[in-house]
Protein backbone atom coordinates (compact mmCIF):
# COMPACT_ATOMS: atom_id res chain seq x y z
CA MET A 1 15.39 3.10 16.78
CA SER A 2 13.63 1.93 13.61
CA GLU A 3 15.65 3.28 9.97
CA PRO A 4 12.68 4.88 7.92
CA PRO A 5 11.34 3.33 3.91
CA GLN A 6 13.87 3.40 1.22
CA THR A 7 12.61 5.71 -1.51
CA PRO A 8 11.87 3.73 -4.70
CA TYR A 9 14.00 4.24 -7.84
CA PRO A 10 12.80 6.07 -10.79
CA PRO A 11 11.53 4.33 -14.12
CA ASP A 12 14.03 5.05 -16.82
CA LEU A 13 11.82 6.11 -19.48
CA PRO A 14 12.92 5.31 -23.37
CA ASP A 15 12.45 8.76 -24.69
CA ASP A 16 9.18 8.03 -27.08
CA PRO A 17 7.19 5.87 -24.07
CA PRO A 18 5.00 3.38 -25.36
CA GLU A 19 0.84 3.48 -24.50
CA VAL A 20 1.06 1.45 -21.44
CA GLU A 21 -2.14 -1.85 -21.21
CA PHE A 22 -3.04 -3.45 -17.94
CA GLY A 23 -0.05 -5.74 -17.10
CA ASP A 24 3.40 -6.51 -16.05
CA LEU A 25 5.46 -3.17 -16.49
CA VAL A 26 8.67 -2.48 -15.61
CA ASP A 27 10.16 1.63 -16.39
CA ALA A 28 6.39 3.00 -17.14
CA VAL A 29 4.22 5.95 -16.01
CA VAL A 30 0.59 5.43 -15.99
CA GLU A 31 -1.97 8.76 -15.51
CA ASP A 32 -5.38 8.81 -15.31
CA ALA A 33 -5.70 4.67 -16.09
CA ASP A 34 -9.02 3.01 -15.41
CA TRP A 35 -8.29 -0.47 -14.45
CA SER A 36 -11.39 -1.31 -12.28
CA ASN A 37 -12.10 -4.88 -11.26
CA LEU A 38 -9.32 -6.14 -13.71
CA ARG A 39 -7.37 -9.24 -12.80
CA SER A 40 -4.18 -10.10 -12.81
CA PRO A 41 -2.78 -12.75 -10.32
CA GLY A 42 1.00 -12.67 -10.37
CA LEU A 43 1.14 -9.44 -11.79
CA SER A 44 4.71 -8.26 -11.78
CA LEU A 45 5.43 -4.25 -11.51
CA ARG A 46 9.09 -2.79 -11.76
CA ARG A 47 10.18 1.19 -11.43
CA VAL A 48 6.70 2.53 -11.97
CA GLU A 49 4.86 4.87 -11.18
CA LEU A 50 0.82 5.37 -11.43
CA SER A 51 -0.81 9.11 -10.75
CA ARG A 52 -4.42 9.14 -10.31
CA CYS A 53 -5.08 5.49 -11.55
CA ARG A 54 -8.33 4.05 -10.90
CA LEU A 55 -7.75 0.32 -9.51
CA THR A 56 -11.16 -0.24 -7.88
CA GLY A 57 -11.45 -4.18 -6.96
CA VAL A 58 -8.44 -5.21 -8.77
CA GLU A 59 -7.44 -8.53 -8.06
CA LEU A 60 -3.63 -8.23 -7.74
CA GLY A 61 -2.53 -11.89 -5.15
CA GLY A 62 0.76 -12.91 -5.05
CA ALA A 63 1.73 -9.70 -7.43
CA SER A 64 5.42 -8.61 -7.08
CA LEU A 65 5.89 -4.73 -6.79
CA ALA A 66 9.51 -3.19 -6.73
CA ASP A 67 10.26 0.40 -7.03
CA VAL A 68 6.28 1.75 -7.38
CA VAL A 69 4.78 5.32 -6.91
CA PHE A 70 1.06 5.11 -6.63
CA ALA A 71 -0.34 8.72 -6.08
CA GLY A 72 -3.81 10.10 -6.16
CA CYS A 73 -4.64 6.78 -6.88
CA ARG A 74 -7.76 4.89 -5.75
CA ILE A 75 -7.02 1.01 -4.97
CA ASP A 76 -9.81 0.21 -2.99
CA LEU A 77 -11.33 -3.68 -2.38
CA ALA A 78 -7.94 -3.95 -4.12
CA GLY A 79 -6.88 -8.20 -3.41
CA LEU A 80 -3.41 -7.91 -2.83
CA ARG A 81 -3.21 -11.28 -0.93
CA MET A 82 0.44 -12.83 -0.06
CA ALA A 83 1.65 -9.72 -2.74
CA GLU A 84 5.77 -8.63 -2.28
CA LEU A 85 5.76 -5.16 -1.89
CA GLU A 86 9.78 -3.46 -2.19
CA ARG A 87 10.29 0.04 -2.22
CA VAL A 88 6.64 1.22 -2.42
CA VAL A 89 5.08 4.24 -1.88
CA PHE A 90 1.19 5.41 -1.61
CA ARG A 91 0.59 8.88 -1.24
CA ASP A 92 -3.07 10.49 -1.16
CA CYS A 93 -4.76 6.93 -2.05
CA ARG A 94 -7.86 5.62 -1.53
CA MET A 95 -7.38 2.07 -0.29
CA GLY A 96 -10.30 1.25 1.59
CA GLU A 97 -10.97 -2.43 2.47
CA CYS A 98 -7.63 -3.21 0.84
CA ASP A 99 -6.69 -6.96 1.05
CA LEU A 100 -3.03 -7.27 2.69
CA TYR A 101 -3.43 -10.27 3.57
CA GLU A 102 -0.07 -12.47 4.28
CA ALA A 103 1.58 -9.78 2.02
CA ALA A 104 5.23 -9.00 2.68
CA LEU A 105 5.94 -5.62 2.64
CA LYS A 106 9.39 -3.56 2.77
CA ASP A 107 10.38 -0.48 2.69
CA VAL A 108 6.69 0.89 1.98
CA LEU A 109 5.69 4.51 2.70
CA PHE A 110 1.54 4.90 3.42
CA GLU A 111 1.22 8.94 3.53
CA ARG A 112 -2.17 10.33 3.91
CA CYS A 113 -4.04 7.24 2.99
CA GLU A 114 -7.00 6.22 3.37
CA LEU A 115 -7.13 2.50 4.76
CA ARG A 116 -10.25 2.29 6.90
CA GLU A 117 -11.21 -1.26 7.02
CA ALA A 118 -8.04 -2.72 5.08
CA THR A 119 -6.99 -6.12 6.31
CA PHE A 120 -3.46 -6.45 7.31
CA THR A 121 -3.80 -9.86 8.82
CA ALA A 122 -0.45 -12.20 9.22
CA ALA A 123 1.57 -9.20 6.61
CA LYS A 124 5.07 -9.23 7.48
CA VAL A 125 6.48 -5.52 7.69
CA GLU A 126 10.33 -3.97 7.71
CA ARG A 127 10.82 -0.48 7.36
CA VAL A 128 6.97 0.33 7.01
CA GLU A 129 5.33 3.69 7.82
CA LEU A 130 2.21 5.29 8.01
CA ARG A 131 1.97 9.34 8.03
CA GLY A 132 -1.12 10.76 8.74
CA CYS A 133 -3.15 7.78 7.37
CA ASP A 134 -6.93 7.15 8.38
CA LEU A 135 -6.54 3.33 10.00
CA ALA A 136 -10.70 2.76 11.36
CA GLY A 137 -11.53 -0.35 11.32
CA LEU A 138 -8.32 -1.70 10.09
CA ARG A 139 -7.73 -5.33 10.56
CA GLY A 140 -4.93 -7.15 11.58
CA VAL A 141 -3.53 -4.37 13.14
CA GLU A 142 -1.15 -6.12 15.23
CA ALA A 143 0.90 -7.42 12.06
CA LEU A 144 1.96 -4.03 12.06
CA ARG A 145 4.54 -4.32 15.06
CA GLY A 146 7.75 -2.53 14.12
CA ALA A 147 5.82 0.03 11.62
CA ARG A 148 6.56 3.74 11.98
CA MET A 149 4.01 6.68 13.25
CA PRO A 150 4.58 9.84 13.80
CA TRP A 151 3.07 10.67 17.80
CA ALA A 152 0.26 12.27 16.47
CA ASP A 153 -0.98 9.63 14.52
CA LEU A 154 -0.25 7.17 16.42
CA ILE A 155 -2.16 9.38 20.05
CA GLU A 156 -4.88 9.37 17.18
CA ASN A 157 -5.38 5.36 16.55
CA ALA A 158 -4.28 4.83 20.08
CA PRO A 159 -7.66 3.01 20.69
CA LEU A 160 -7.54 0.96 17.93
CA PHE A 161 -3.94 -0.45 19.02
CA ALA A 162 -5.32 -1.07 22.34
CA ALA A 163 -8.05 -2.94 20.76
CA GLY A 164 -5.47 -5.15 19.21
CA LEU A 165 -3.52 -5.68 21.76
CA GLY A 166 -6.75 -6.76 24.00
CA ILE A 167 -6.75 -2.95 26.10
CA GLU A 168 -9.63 -2.22 27.48
CA ILE A 169 -10.34 1.15 28.27
CA LEU A 170 -11.51 2.87 30.74
CA ASP A 171 -13.76 5.93 30.77
């Protein structure tokens, strides 16, 4: 039996936190930011919490995210190709068509996220958990080998997993 993902470490905020701009961040809390369509390949986020942020179309190829929480964010059409995610939580996020091609995910939780047509092809997963997520049209489902899911979610997504394994479903 595999273990659940580890929880991210919270930010260590100063007494008077400064205004946060898009870019490398350490020990920050960001709320209601609109960073749509920005490009920052190789971005680094450490001990960061983002709430209700709009990151539609953001390009973060090769990014490094550690101890990050995304809550209620819009991360659709985002490019996280070859990114490294460690102790990251996505909670109640819209992540349709998010590109995680060849990403390394360790201790990552997707909770109640919309991952329609997201790409996980060639991703490497270790202690990844998906709970209550919409996985319709997900590409690279075979890369989720070893991930954890509740039984009800597994049954709901059985056709997706069968297709990924090349199993023909009979009526």
